[in-house]
N, C-alpha and C. Protein backbone atom coordinates (compact mmCIF):
# COMPACT_ATOMS: atom_id res chain seq x y z
N UNK A 1 19.11 24.96 4.09
CA UNK A 1 17.67 25.34 4.77
C UNK A 1 16.73 23.81 5.12
N UNK A 2 16.32 23.70 6.54
CA UNK A 2 15.41 22.87 6.80
C UNK A 2 13.95 23.54 7.37
N UNK A 3 13.08 22.87 6.34
CA UNK A 3 11.89 23.06 6.44
C UNK A 3 11.02 22.29 7.56
N UNK A 4 9.91 22.67 7.96
CA UNK A 4 9.10 21.52 8.63
C UNK A 4 7.86 21.01 7.86
N UNK A 5 7.87 19.76 7.94
CA UNK A 5 7.17 19.28 6.78
C UNK A 5 5.57 19.38 7.27
N UNK A 6 4.75 19.70 6.13
CA UNK A 6 3.60 19.77 6.24
C UNK A 6 2.67 18.38 6.75
N UNK A 7 1.90 18.87 7.95
CA UNK A 7 1.11 17.57 7.89
C UNK A 7 0.56 17.17 6.71
N UNK A 8 0.14 15.68 6.67
CA UNK A 8 -0.56 15.22 5.97
C UNK A 8 -1.87 15.15 5.57
N UNK A 9 -2.54 15.79 4.43
CA UNK A 9 -4.29 16.18 4.69
C UNK A 9 -5.07 14.88 4.23
N UNK A 10 -5.81 14.21 5.17
CA UNK A 10 -5.92 12.88 4.92
C UNK A 10 -7.65 13.43 4.91
N UNK A 11 -7.97 14.91 4.37
CA UNK A 11 -9.72 14.86 4.62
C UNK A 11 -10.68 14.01 3.51
N UNK A 12 -9.86 13.81 2.14
CA UNK A 12 -10.29 13.12 1.39
C UNK A 12 -10.86 11.58 1.97
N UNK A 13 -10.11 11.24 3.37
CA UNK A 13 -10.42 9.45 3.43
C UNK A 13 -10.93 9.54 4.74
N UNK A 14 -12.30 11.15 5.12
CA UNK A 14 -12.82 11.03 5.82
C UNK A 14 -14.46 11.06 5.80
N UNK A 15 -14.68 10.99 4.56
CA UNK A 15 -16.07 10.93 4.35
C UNK A 15 -16.65 11.93 3.40
N UNK A 16 -15.61 12.98 3.01
CA UNK A 16 -16.09 14.01 2.71
C UNK A 16 -16.24 13.60 0.86
N UNK A 17 -17.36 13.73 0.07
CA UNK A 17 -17.37 13.10 -1.31
C UNK A 17 -16.75 14.08 -2.20
N UNK A 18 -16.86 15.64 -2.21
CA UNK A 18 -16.11 16.09 -2.64
C UNK A 18 -14.74 15.91 -2.82
N UNK A 19 -13.94 16.33 -1.64
CA UNK A 19 -13.15 16.04 -1.44
C UNK A 19 -12.46 14.45 -2.04
N UNK A 20 -13.20 13.63 -1.83
CA UNK A 20 -12.64 12.39 -2.73
C UNK A 20 -12.44 12.59 -4.03
N UNK A 21 -13.59 12.87 -4.41
CA UNK A 21 -13.80 12.89 -5.92
C UNK A 21 -12.62 13.97 -6.74
N UNK A 22 -12.45 14.93 -5.78
CA UNK A 22 -10.99 15.73 -6.30
C UNK A 22 -9.94 15.05 -6.48
N UNK A 23 -9.56 14.16 -5.23
CA UNK A 23 -8.19 13.34 -5.19
C UNK A 23 -8.32 11.93 -6.29
N UNK A 24 -9.32 11.62 -6.08
CA UNK A 24 -9.53 10.44 -7.17
C UNK A 24 -9.71 11.13 -8.40
N UNK A 25 -9.24 12.31 -8.89
CA UNK A 25 -9.24 12.60 -10.24
C UNK A 25 -7.92 12.95 -10.29
N UNK A 26 -7.15 13.18 -9.19
CA UNK A 26 -5.57 13.27 -9.23
C UNK A 26 -5.12 12.18 -9.54
N UNK A 27 -5.67 11.03 -8.51
CA UNK A 27 -4.83 9.76 -8.93
C UNK A 27 -5.04 8.96 -10.13
N UNK A 28 -6.41 9.36 -10.59
CA UNK A 28 -6.44 8.86 -12.21
C UNK A 28 -5.05 9.42 -13.49
N UNK A 29 -4.53 10.75 -13.14
CA UNK A 29 -3.70 11.19 -13.86
C UNK A 29 -2.16 10.71 -13.06
N UNK A 30 -2.03 9.83 -11.98
CA UNK A 30 -0.80 9.50 -11.37
C UNK A 30 -0.10 8.34 -12.18
N UNK A 31 0.81 8.54 -12.40
CA UNK A 31 2.02 7.09 -12.82
C UNK A 31 2.19 6.82 -11.45
N UNK A 32 1.52 5.68 -10.97
CA UNK A 32 1.58 5.02 -9.67
C UNK A 32 3.50 4.89 -9.06
N UNK A 33 3.54 3.68 -9.89
CA UNK A 33 4.86 3.51 -10.17
C UNK A 33 6.23 4.14 -9.66
N UNK A 34 6.13 5.50 -10.69
CA UNK A 34 7.44 6.25 -10.09
C UNK A 34 6.93 7.05 -9.13
N UNK A 35 5.69 7.43 -9.06
CA UNK A 35 5.11 8.05 -7.46
C UNK A 35 5.59 7.58 -6.30
N UNK A 36 5.43 6.34 -6.21
CA UNK A 36 5.48 5.28 -4.82
C UNK A 36 6.73 5.12 -5.24
N UNK A 37 7.57 5.32 -6.01
CA UNK A 37 9.14 5.15 -5.63
C UNK A 37 10.02 5.95 -5.26
N UNK A 38 9.04 7.37 -5.72
CA UNK A 38 9.53 8.74 -4.96
C UNK A 38 9.25 8.95 -3.96
N UNK A 39 8.23 8.57 -3.50
CA UNK A 39 7.34 8.59 -1.79
C UNK A 39 7.88 7.55 -0.97
N UNK A 40 8.11 6.48 -1.21
CA UNK A 40 8.17 5.26 -0.10
C UNK A 40 9.66 5.58 -0.12
N UNK A 41 10.07 5.38 1.73
CA UNK A 41 11.17 4.83 2.37
C UNK A 41 11.15 3.33 2.62
N UNK A 42 11.85 2.80 1.57
CA UNK A 42 11.82 1.14 1.70
C UNK A 42 13.47 0.90 2.22
N UNK A 43 13.23 -0.27 3.13
CA UNK A 43 12.01 -1.28 3.67
C UNK A 43 11.25 -0.65 4.79
N UNK A 44 9.79 -0.91 4.92
CA UNK A 44 9.10 -0.96 5.80
C UNK A 44 8.23 -2.02 6.04
N UNK A 45 7.34 -1.94 7.08
CA UNK A 45 6.45 -3.13 7.54
C UNK A 45 5.27 -2.74 7.13
N UNK A 46 4.45 -3.80 6.60
CA UNK A 46 3.11 -3.93 6.22
C UNK A 46 2.11 -4.97 6.35
N UNK A 47 0.82 -4.78 6.93
CA UNK A 47 0.10 -6.09 6.89
C UNK A 47 -0.49 -6.46 6.09
N UNK A 48 -0.72 -7.70 5.94
CA UNK A 48 -1.65 -8.71 4.60
C UNK A 48 -3.00 -8.58 5.49
N UNK A 49 -3.97 -7.35 4.91
CA UNK A 49 -4.92 -7.60 5.15
C UNK A 49 -6.36 -8.10 4.20
N UNK A 50 -6.00 -8.64 2.71
CA UNK A 50 -6.52 -8.86 1.67
C UNK A 50 -6.39 -10.05 0.91
N UNK A 51 -6.09 -10.76 -0.18
CA UNK A 51 -5.93 -11.72 -0.68
C UNK A 51 -7.16 -12.14 -1.73
N UNK A 52 -6.45 -12.21 -2.74
CA UNK A 52 -7.44 -13.20 -4.00
C UNK A 52 -8.18 -13.96 -3.60
N UNK A 53 -7.78 -15.11 -2.03
CA UNK A 53 -8.06 -16.29 -2.66
C UNK A 53 -9.51 -15.87 -1.43
N UNK A 54 -9.15 -15.08 -1.05
CA UNK A 54 -10.14 -14.70 0.32
C UNK A 54 -9.71 -15.08 1.76
N UNK A 55 -10.43 -15.29 2.52
CA UNK A 55 -10.13 -15.59 4.24
C UNK A 55 -9.85 -16.78 4.20
N UNK A 56 -9.47 -17.93 5.05
CA UNK A 56 -9.64 -19.49 5.36
C UNK A 56 -8.44 -19.03 6.25
N UNK A 57 -8.83 -20.35 7.30
CA UNK A 57 -8.27 -20.57 8.43
C UNK A 57 -6.19 -21.17 7.49
N UNK A 58 -6.60 -22.21 6.78
CA UNK A 58 -5.56 -22.77 6.08
C UNK A 58 -4.96 -21.97 5.55
N UNK A 59 -5.72 -20.34 4.83
CA UNK A 59 -4.50 -19.27 4.30
C UNK A 59 -3.96 -18.72 5.24
N UNK A 60 -4.47 -18.17 5.93
CA UNK A 60 -3.72 -17.20 6.85
C UNK A 60 -2.59 -17.99 7.37
N UNK A 61 -2.44 -19.36 7.70
CA UNK A 61 -1.21 -20.26 8.18
C UNK A 61 -0.16 -19.66 7.18
N UNK A 62 -0.05 -20.02 6.03
CA UNK A 62 1.06 -19.90 4.94
C UNK A 62 1.51 -18.63 5.16
N UNK A 63 2.68 -18.63 4.69
CA UNK A 63 3.76 -17.02 4.67
C UNK A 63 3.34 -16.29 3.91
N UNK A 64 3.11 -15.12 4.16
CA UNK A 64 2.51 -14.11 3.55
C UNK A 64 0.88 -13.42 3.39
N UNK A 65 0.38 -14.66 4.43
CA UNK A 65 -1.28 -14.64 4.67
C UNK A 65 -1.92 -13.69 5.07
N UNK A 66 -2.86 -13.72 5.09
CA UNK A 66 -3.52 -12.55 5.91
C UNK A 66 -3.63 -12.40 7.58
N UNK A 67 -3.31 -11.48 7.67
CA UNK A 67 -2.91 -10.95 9.11
C UNK A 67 -1.19 -10.93 9.24
N UNK A 68 -0.81 -11.73 8.54
CA UNK A 68 0.98 -11.68 8.58
C UNK A 68 1.77 -10.27 8.35
N UNK A 69 2.55 -10.02 9.14
CA UNK A 69 3.45 -8.91 9.21
C UNK A 69 4.74 -8.79 8.41
N UNK A 70 4.75 -7.92 7.00
CA UNK A 70 6.02 -8.18 6.64
C UNK A 70 7.00 -7.51 6.29
N UNK A 71 8.02 -7.75 5.86
CA UNK A 71 8.93 -6.28 5.21
C UNK A 71 8.93 -5.96 3.93
N UNK A 72 8.53 -4.67 3.57
CA UNK A 72 8.85 -4.45 1.81
C UNK A 72 10.13 -4.57 1.42
N UNK A 73 10.72 -4.55 0.90
CA UNK A 73 11.87 -4.69 -0.32
C UNK A 73 12.32 -4.06 -0.95
N UNK A 74 11.19 -3.76 -1.93
CA UNK A 74 11.08 -3.34 -3.03
C UNK A 74 9.73 -3.48 -3.95
N UNK A 75 9.79 -2.78 -4.69
CA UNK A 75 8.36 -2.81 -5.42
C UNK A 75 9.12 -3.04 -6.87
N UNK A 76 8.37 -4.52 -6.95
CA UNK A 76 8.68 -5.36 -8.13
C UNK A 76 8.26 -5.20 -9.54
N UNK A 77 7.39 -5.08 -9.69
CA UNK A 77 6.61 -4.82 -11.13
C UNK A 77 5.29 -4.65 -10.86
N UNK A 78 4.81 -4.16 -12.00
CA UNK A 78 3.42 -3.67 -12.11
C UNK A 78 2.48 -4.92 -12.80
N UNK A 79 1.60 -5.59 -12.49
CA UNK A 79 0.60 -6.40 -13.06
C UNK A 79 -0.66 -6.06 -13.61
N UNK A 80 -0.76 -6.39 -14.62
CA UNK A 80 -2.33 -6.04 -15.31
C UNK A 80 -3.42 -6.48 -14.20
N UNK A 81 -3.14 -7.55 -13.89
CA UNK A 81 -4.67 -7.69 -12.96
C UNK A 81 -4.49 -7.44 -11.21
N UNK A 82 -3.27 -7.22 -10.70
CA UNK A 82 -2.95 -7.22 -9.31
C UNK A 82 -2.42 -5.80 -9.19
N UNK A 83 -2.17 -4.93 -10.27
CA UNK A 83 -1.58 -3.58 -9.87
C UNK A 83 0.30 -3.98 -9.48
N UNK A 84 0.63 -3.21 -8.41
CA UNK A 84 1.98 -3.10 -8.18
C UNK A 84 2.18 -4.60 -7.26
N UNK A 85 3.18 -4.98 -7.55
CA UNK A 85 3.68 -6.07 -6.86
C UNK A 85 5.10 -5.51 -5.95
N UNK A 86 5.13 -6.13 -4.78
CA UNK A 86 6.69 -5.94 -4.18
C UNK A 86 6.67 -7.08 -3.29
N UNK A 87 8.41 -7.00 -3.43
CA UNK A 87 8.90 -8.13 -2.87
C UNK A 87 9.06 -8.05 -1.67
N UNK A 88 9.06 -8.77 -0.82
CA UNK A 88 8.68 -8.78 0.83
C UNK A 88 9.35 -9.67 1.47
N UNK A 89 9.83 -9.80 2.85
CA UNK A 89 10.25 -10.51 3.45
C UNK A 89 9.41 -11.11 5.04
N UNK A 90 8.79 -12.07 5.23
CA UNK A 90 8.24 -12.97 5.97
C UNK A 90 9.27 -14.24 6.82
N UNK A 91 10.04 -13.43 8.10
CA UNK A 91 11.28 -14.00 8.39
C UNK A 91 12.15 -14.10 7.89
N UNK A 92 12.43 -16.04 7.46
CA UNK A 92 13.47 -16.15 6.16
C UNK A 92 12.79 -16.23 5.09
N UNK A 93 12.03 -16.12 4.74
CA UNK A 93 10.97 -16.16 3.23
C UNK A 93 11.10 -15.37 3.11
N UNK A 94 11.29 -15.02 1.34
CA UNK A 94 11.16 -14.16 0.54
C UNK A 94 10.20 -14.15 -0.82
N UNK A 95 8.80 -13.52 -0.39
CA UNK A 95 8.29 -13.65 -1.48
C UNK A 95 7.59 -12.75 -2.37
N UNK A 96 6.19 -12.21 -2.88
CA UNK A 96 5.86 -11.01 -3.66
C UNK A 96 3.97 -11.73 -3.38
N UNK A 97 4.28 -10.27 -3.24
CA UNK A 97 2.59 -9.72 -2.96
C UNK A 97 2.21 -8.39 -3.31
N UNK A 98 0.89 -8.34 -3.60
CA UNK A 98 0.14 -6.73 -3.86
C UNK A 98 0.17 -5.74 -3.03
N UNK A 99 0.66 -4.64 -3.54
CA UNK A 99 0.76 -3.63 -3.02
C UNK A 99 -0.76 -3.46 -2.61
N UNK A 100 -2.10 -3.24 -3.30
CA UNK A 100 -3.13 -3.28 -2.78
C UNK A 100 -3.83 -4.44 -1.98
N UNK A 101 -3.15 -5.47 -1.38
CA UNK A 101 -3.75 -6.16 0.26
C UNK A 101 -3.02 -5.82 0.82
N UNK A 102 -2.20 -4.87 1.01
CA UNK A 102 -1.77 -4.52 2.50
C UNK A 102 -2.24 -3.14 3.27
N UNK A 103 -1.81 -2.99 4.22
CA UNK A 103 -1.62 -1.70 5.09
C UNK A 103 -0.86 -1.81 5.78
N UNK A 104 0.00 -0.05 5.73
CA UNK A 104 1.27 0.19 6.31
C UNK A 104 0.72 -0.36 7.96
N UNK A 105 1.92 -0.53 8.89
CA UNK A 105 1.43 -1.55 10.65
C UNK A 105 1.15 0.04 11.15
N UNK A 106 2.02 1.03 10.84
CA UNK A 106 1.73 2.21 12.04
C UNK A 106 1.44 3.36 11.18
N UNK A 107 -0.01 3.76 11.43
CA UNK A 107 -0.18 5.42 10.88
C UNK A 107 0.53 6.40 11.15
N UNK A 108 2.15 6.11 11.89
CA UNK A 108 3.09 7.35 12.28
C UNK A 108 4.41 7.33 11.10
N UNK A 109 4.18 5.98 10.23
CA UNK A 109 5.25 5.48 9.21
C UNK A 109 4.78 6.41 7.93
N UNK A 110 5.77 7.59 7.52
CA UNK A 110 5.74 8.20 6.55
C UNK A 110 4.92 7.55 5.02
N UNK A 111 5.08 6.29 4.96
CA UNK A 111 5.06 5.32 4.20
C UNK A 111 2.89 4.78 4.05
N UNK A 112 2.78 5.26 5.30
CA UNK A 112 1.33 5.02 5.34
C UNK A 112 0.15 5.59 4.16
N UNK A 113 -0.24 6.65 4.57
CA UNK A 113 -0.97 7.66 3.10
C UNK A 113 -0.47 7.28 1.77
N UNK A 114 0.77 7.08 1.33
CA UNK A 114 1.15 6.84 0.12
C UNK A 114 0.24 5.62 -0.44
N UNK A 115 0.80 4.28 0.93
CA UNK A 115 0.38 3.44 0.63
C UNK A 115 -1.36 3.55 0.74
N UNK A 116 -1.64 4.30 1.46
CA UNK A 116 -3.21 4.50 1.35
C UNK A 116 -3.67 4.73 0.16
N UNK A 117 -3.47 6.00 -0.01
CA UNK A 117 -3.77 6.08 -1.54
C UNK A 117 -4.16 5.11 -2.55
N UNK A 118 -2.93 4.39 -3.20
CA UNK A 118 -2.92 4.07 -4.11
C UNK A 118 -3.82 2.47 -3.58
N UNK A 119 -3.82 2.04 -2.13
CA UNK A 119 -4.63 0.99 -1.72
C UNK A 119 -6.28 1.37 -2.39
N UNK A 120 -6.61 2.89 -1.82
CA UNK A 120 -7.74 2.71 -2.00
C UNK A 120 -7.75 3.24 -3.41
N UNK A 121 -7.28 3.64 -4.40
CA UNK A 121 -7.70 3.87 -5.64
C UNK A 121 -7.68 2.40 -6.66
N UNK A 122 -6.81 1.23 -6.15
CA UNK A 122 -6.81 0.51 -6.47
C UNK A 122 -7.84 -0.45 -6.90
N UNK A 123 -9.13 -0.18 -5.40
CA UNK A 123 -9.86 -0.72 -5.30
C UNK A 123 -11.01 -0.28 -6.02
N UNK A 124 -10.82 1.11 -6.27
CA UNK A 124 -11.88 1.53 -6.97
C UNK A 124 -11.87 1.86 -8.54
N UNK A 125 -10.78 2.03 -9.12
CA UNK A 125 -10.53 1.91 -10.57
C UNK A 125 -11.35 1.05 -10.78
């Protein structure tokens, strides 16, 4: 039986502190790596929007830099400092980027909200 997919409830991301607090409590109990492995349809495109080295013109010109769009190939491992690390491809180069540094390119991509939840949780934990 085919069921209609329920739309994602993004109300926690619209400034409602009470809903955000409820969602955050849920996130604190979540085993992120296994949850993301269940939710994400890999490969998908992401854009790097953060970088531990900060923004500089020189850094943005290197592969996998801020503003670059890359394809996620897999979730690689979980790091104590940077969280979940992804294996990505940009052009012919393959590298590793923290999931907390990216956003999914299209809001219509089914991977948008799972990644958004992780990024918001990681930034606030």
